[in-house]
Protein backbone atom coordinates (compact mmCIF):
# COMPACT_ATOMS: atom_id res chain seq x y z
CA MET A 1 22.50 -34.95 37.99
CA SER A 2 25.55 -34.13 40.11
CA LYS A 3 28.09 -36.72 41.22
CA ALA A 4 26.82 -36.46 44.80
CA GLN A 5 23.23 -37.01 43.70
CA SER A 6 24.27 -39.99 41.59
CA GLU A 7 26.11 -41.52 44.52
CA THR A 8 23.11 -40.98 46.80
CA LEU A 9 20.75 -42.58 44.29
CA ALA A 10 23.11 -45.53 43.83
CA ARG A 11 23.24 -46.03 47.58
CA HIS A 12 19.46 -46.13 47.78
CA TYR A 13 19.31 -48.62 44.92
CA ARG A 14 21.75 -50.87 46.76
CA GLU A 15 19.52 -50.66 49.82
CA ALA A 16 16.49 -51.54 47.68
CA ILE A 17 18.32 -54.52 46.18
CA LYS A 18 19.18 -55.79 49.65
CA ILE A 19 15.55 -55.54 50.81
CA LEU A 20 14.19 -57.16 47.65
CA ARG A 21 16.65 -60.06 47.83
CA GLN A 22 15.64 -60.72 51.42
CA ALA A 23 11.97 -60.63 50.45
CA LEU A 24 12.58 -63.09 47.62
CA GLN A 25 14.20 -65.54 50.00
CA GLU A 26 10.87 -65.71 51.82
CA HIS A 27 8.77 -65.61 48.63
CA PRO A 28 10.94 -67.09 45.86
CA GLU A 29 8.09 -67.42 43.35
CA ASP A 30 6.75 -63.89 43.76
CA THR A 31 6.79 -62.46 40.25
CA ALA A 32 6.29 -58.85 41.39
CA LEU A 33 9.35 -59.06 43.64
CA GLN A 34 11.39 -60.60 40.84
CA LEU A 35 10.39 -57.76 38.53
CA GLU A 36 11.34 -55.14 41.09
CA LEU A 37 14.70 -56.71 41.81
CA GLY A 38 15.39 -57.01 38.10
CA ARG A 39 14.57 -53.33 37.61
CA ALA A 40 16.81 -52.34 40.50
CA TYR A 41 19.68 -54.32 38.97
CA LEU A 42 18.95 -52.70 35.63
CA ALA A 43 19.07 -49.24 37.19
CA MET A 44 22.51 -50.11 38.57
CA ARG A 45 23.49 -51.40 35.09
CA GLU A 46 23.94 -54.93 36.36
CA ASP A 47 22.37 -56.12 33.13
CA GLY A 48 23.26 -59.80 33.44
CA LYS A 49 21.54 -60.18 36.81
CA ALA A 50 18.51 -58.26 35.58
CA GLN A 51 18.19 -60.37 32.44
CA ARG A 52 18.41 -63.62 34.38
CA LEU A 53 15.51 -62.54 36.58
CA PHE A 54 13.37 -61.41 33.64
CA GLY A 55 14.21 -64.68 31.87
CA GLU A 56 13.12 -66.71 34.88
CA ILE A 57 9.78 -64.92 34.89
CA LEU A 58 9.26 -65.57 31.19
CA LYS A 59 10.00 -69.27 31.62
CA LYS A 60 7.04 -69.64 33.96
CA GLU A 61 4.93 -66.84 32.43
CA PRO A 62 5.85 -66.61 28.71
CA ARG A 63 3.38 -63.79 28.09
CA ASN A 64 4.27 -61.62 31.06
CA LYS A 65 4.20 -58.21 29.41
CA GLU A 66 6.20 -56.42 32.11
CA ALA A 67 9.03 -58.96 31.95
CA GLN A 68 9.08 -58.81 28.15
CA LEU A 69 9.35 -55.03 28.20
CA ASP A 70 12.04 -54.94 30.88
CA LEU A 71 14.10 -57.64 29.17
CA ALA A 72 13.76 -55.84 25.83
CA ARG A 73 14.97 -52.61 27.41
CA SER A 74 17.96 -54.28 29.07
CA LEU A 75 18.97 -55.93 25.80
CA ALA A 76 18.70 -52.58 24.02
CA TYR A 77 21.12 -51.08 26.55
CA GLN A 78 23.61 -53.71 25.39
CA ARG A 79 22.87 -52.96 21.71
CA ARG A 80 21.40 -56.44 21.26
CA TYR A 81 18.69 -54.98 19.12
CA GLU A 82 17.54 -58.05 17.21
CA ARG A 83 16.40 -59.91 20.32
CA SER A 84 15.09 -56.70 21.87
CA ASP A 85 13.06 -55.96 18.72
CA ASP A 86 11.55 -59.44 18.86
CA LEU A 87 10.35 -58.92 22.43
CA TYR A 88 8.85 -55.53 21.70
CA ARG A 89 7.06 -56.99 18.66
CA GLN A 90 5.69 -59.85 20.78
CA VAL A 91 4.14 -57.32 23.13
CA LEU A 92 2.71 -55.30 20.24
CA THR A 93 1.29 -58.44 18.60
CA ALA A 94 -0.62 -59.24 21.79
CA ASP A 95 -1.46 -55.59 22.48
CA PRO A 96 -1.11 -53.27 19.46
CA SER A 97 -1.89 -50.25 21.63
CA ASN A 98 1.02 -50.81 24.05
CA GLU A 99 2.76 -47.45 24.18
CA ALA A 100 5.88 -48.60 26.03
CA ALA A 101 6.60 -51.32 23.46
CA ALA A 102 6.08 -48.90 20.57
CA ILE A 103 8.43 -46.33 22.11
CA GLY A 104 11.08 -48.97 22.80
CA LEU A 105 10.87 -50.46 19.32
CA THR A 106 10.98 -47.01 17.74
CA SER A 107 14.15 -46.25 19.67
CA ASN A 108 15.76 -49.53 18.62
CA LEU A 109 14.95 -49.01 14.96
CA MET A 110 16.44 -45.52 15.07
CA HIS A 111 19.65 -47.01 16.46
CA GLU A 112 19.64 -49.58 13.69
CA GLY A 113 19.41 -46.85 11.08
CA ARG A 114 15.89 -47.91 10.08
CA SER A 115 14.23 -44.51 10.24
CA VAL A 116 11.41 -45.40 7.84
CA ASP A 117 10.44 -48.43 9.93
CA ALA A 118 10.73 -46.36 13.12
CA ALA A 119 8.39 -43.73 11.68
CA ARG A 120 5.88 -46.43 10.72
CA ILE A 121 5.82 -47.81 14.27
CA ALA A 122 5.48 -44.32 15.74
CA ASP A 123 2.61 -43.45 13.36
CA THR A 124 0.72 -46.61 14.29
CA ALA A 125 1.20 -45.95 17.99
CA LEU A 126 0.06 -42.35 17.60
CA TRP A 127 -3.21 -43.64 16.17
CA TYR A 128 -3.84 -45.20 19.60
CA HIS A 129 -2.19 -42.42 21.61
CA PRO A 130 -2.52 -39.17 19.63
CA ASN A 131 -1.55 -37.00 22.60
CA SER A 132 1.46 -39.02 23.76
CA LEU A 133 4.29 -36.57 24.32
CA ARG A 134 6.89 -39.33 24.07
CA LEU A 135 5.59 -40.57 20.76
CA LEU A 136 5.23 -37.06 19.36
CA GLU A 137 8.79 -36.30 20.44
CA SER A 138 9.98 -39.52 18.83
CA LYS A 139 8.21 -38.73 15.56
CA ASP A 140 9.61 -35.21 15.54
CA ARG A 141 13.17 -36.45 15.96
CA ILE A 142 12.71 -39.13 13.32
CA SER A 143 11.23 -36.60 10.89
CA SER A 144 14.16 -34.28 11.46
CA GLY A 145 16.49 -37.02 10.29
CA LEU A 146 14.33 -38.04 7.36
CA LEU A 147 13.89 -34.49 6.08
CA GLY A 148 17.66 -34.11 5.97
CA GLY A 149 17.96 -37.12 3.71
CA ASP A 150 20.24 -38.79 6.21
CA GLU A 151 21.68 -42.23 5.69
CA PRO A 152 22.55 -44.40 8.69
CA GLY A 153 25.87 -43.30 10.12
CA SER A 154 25.75 -39.75 8.81
CA PRO A 155 26.51 -36.99 11.39
CA ILE A 156 22.97 -35.58 11.39
CA ALA A 157 21.35 -39.01 11.67
CA ALA A 158 23.73 -39.91 14.49
CA ASN A 159 22.80 -36.73 16.34
CA VAL A 160 19.09 -37.44 15.98
CA ILE A 161 19.54 -40.96 17.30
CA SER A 162 21.82 -39.89 20.16
CA ALA A 163 19.49 -37.11 21.30
CA ALA A 164 16.49 -39.44 21.37
CA THR A 165 18.08 -42.46 23.05
CA ASP A 166 17.73 -41.79 26.76
CA TYR A 167 14.34 -40.12 26.40
CA ILE A 168 12.72 -42.81 24.29
CA ASN A 169 14.37 -45.88 25.76
CA ASP A 170 13.10 -45.29 29.29
CA SER A 171 10.00 -47.34 28.58
CA ALA A 172 9.66 -49.99 31.24
CA GLY A 173 5.92 -49.45 31.58
CA ASN A 174 3.39 -48.52 34.26
CA HIS A 175 4.21 -50.65 37.28
CA SER A 176 2.99 -49.18 40.58
CA TRP A 177 5.97 -50.31 42.60
CA ARG A 178 8.86 -49.56 40.30
CA VAL A 179 11.97 -49.00 42.40
CA MET A 180 13.14 -46.19 40.14
CA GLU A 181 9.93 -44.21 40.51
CA ARG A 182 9.92 -44.68 44.26
CA LEU A 183 13.47 -43.45 44.62
CA GLU A 184 12.89 -40.51 42.31
CA LEU A 185 10.03 -39.48 44.58
CA GLY A 186 12.19 -39.93 47.66
CA ILE A 187 10.25 -42.89 49.08
CA LYS A 188 12.09 -45.28 51.35
CA PRO A 189 12.40 -48.86 50.06
CA GLY A 190 9.94 -51.18 51.78
CA VAL A 191 7.35 -48.48 52.55
CA LEU A 192 3.92 -49.52 51.24
CA LEU A 193 1.83 -46.76 49.67
CA SER A 194 -1.39 -46.81 47.71
CA ARG A 195 -1.30 -45.53 44.15
CA GLY A 196 -2.04 -41.79 44.16
CA ALA A 197 -1.55 -41.44 47.93
CA ALA A 198 0.47 -38.55 49.33
CA VAL A 199 3.90 -39.52 50.61
CA PRO A 200 4.05 -39.10 54.41
CA GLU A 201 7.07 -37.30 55.85
CA ASP A 202 8.39 -40.36 57.68
CA ALA A 203 8.37 -42.34 54.42
CA ARG A 204 10.74 -39.96 52.64
CA LEU A 205 14.43 -40.53 52.17
CA ASP A 206 15.92 -37.11 52.70
CA ALA A 207 13.57 -34.41 51.39
CA PRO A 208 11.07 -33.42 54.10
CA ASP A 209 9.88 -30.38 52.12
CA ARG A 210 8.90 -32.27 48.96
CA THR A 211 5.18 -32.44 48.10
CA LYS A 212 5.09 -34.82 45.16
CA GLU A 213 2.49 -37.53 45.14
CA TRP A 214 2.68 -41.06 43.81
CA PRO A 215 2.10 -40.83 40.03
CA GLY A 216 -1.28 -42.13 38.92
CA ARG A 217 -0.04 -43.21 35.52
């Protein structure tokens, strides 16, 4: 992504944050709005603000899977892997088939130099999701490191971990109104669209010729 594109995206995130904060003033207990604002902060790397919001959600809804996943991801960005691991494991204990938690935990374990444990998590997740491209990619990268006999900290192991980080760690889940997904599709903040609906021209940010639809993930 070019510098100009990054600046444009950041500007749209700031606009989204402004809209979400205003909405929360009117609906302070709205969990969905809190999640969206937290994700917007996370996208801007304002990790402290994001974590406070996810923490507030978990205080009132201790088993909120989306908040657990988002908080785990934000902690991983700060290399606070122990707490992040715990959150991912909580999600997997409640839902062993959760792909996002498995991908996030796999990424963390790779960073921690625990390739064998990472491979075990990936294998279990692939039992539930045998065609998951993310999990297959994760397993391939892990295997590359294991086949080389790498110890944590070795150049090859470091390369495997570094190459996988951004790809694997983007695992916030399948939330219909994620700010990041909306902005990537060029949808104006505040525009309400049904899942799978085509994006009307007047709802786009600055790409009138784009034909992408809302992802039905």
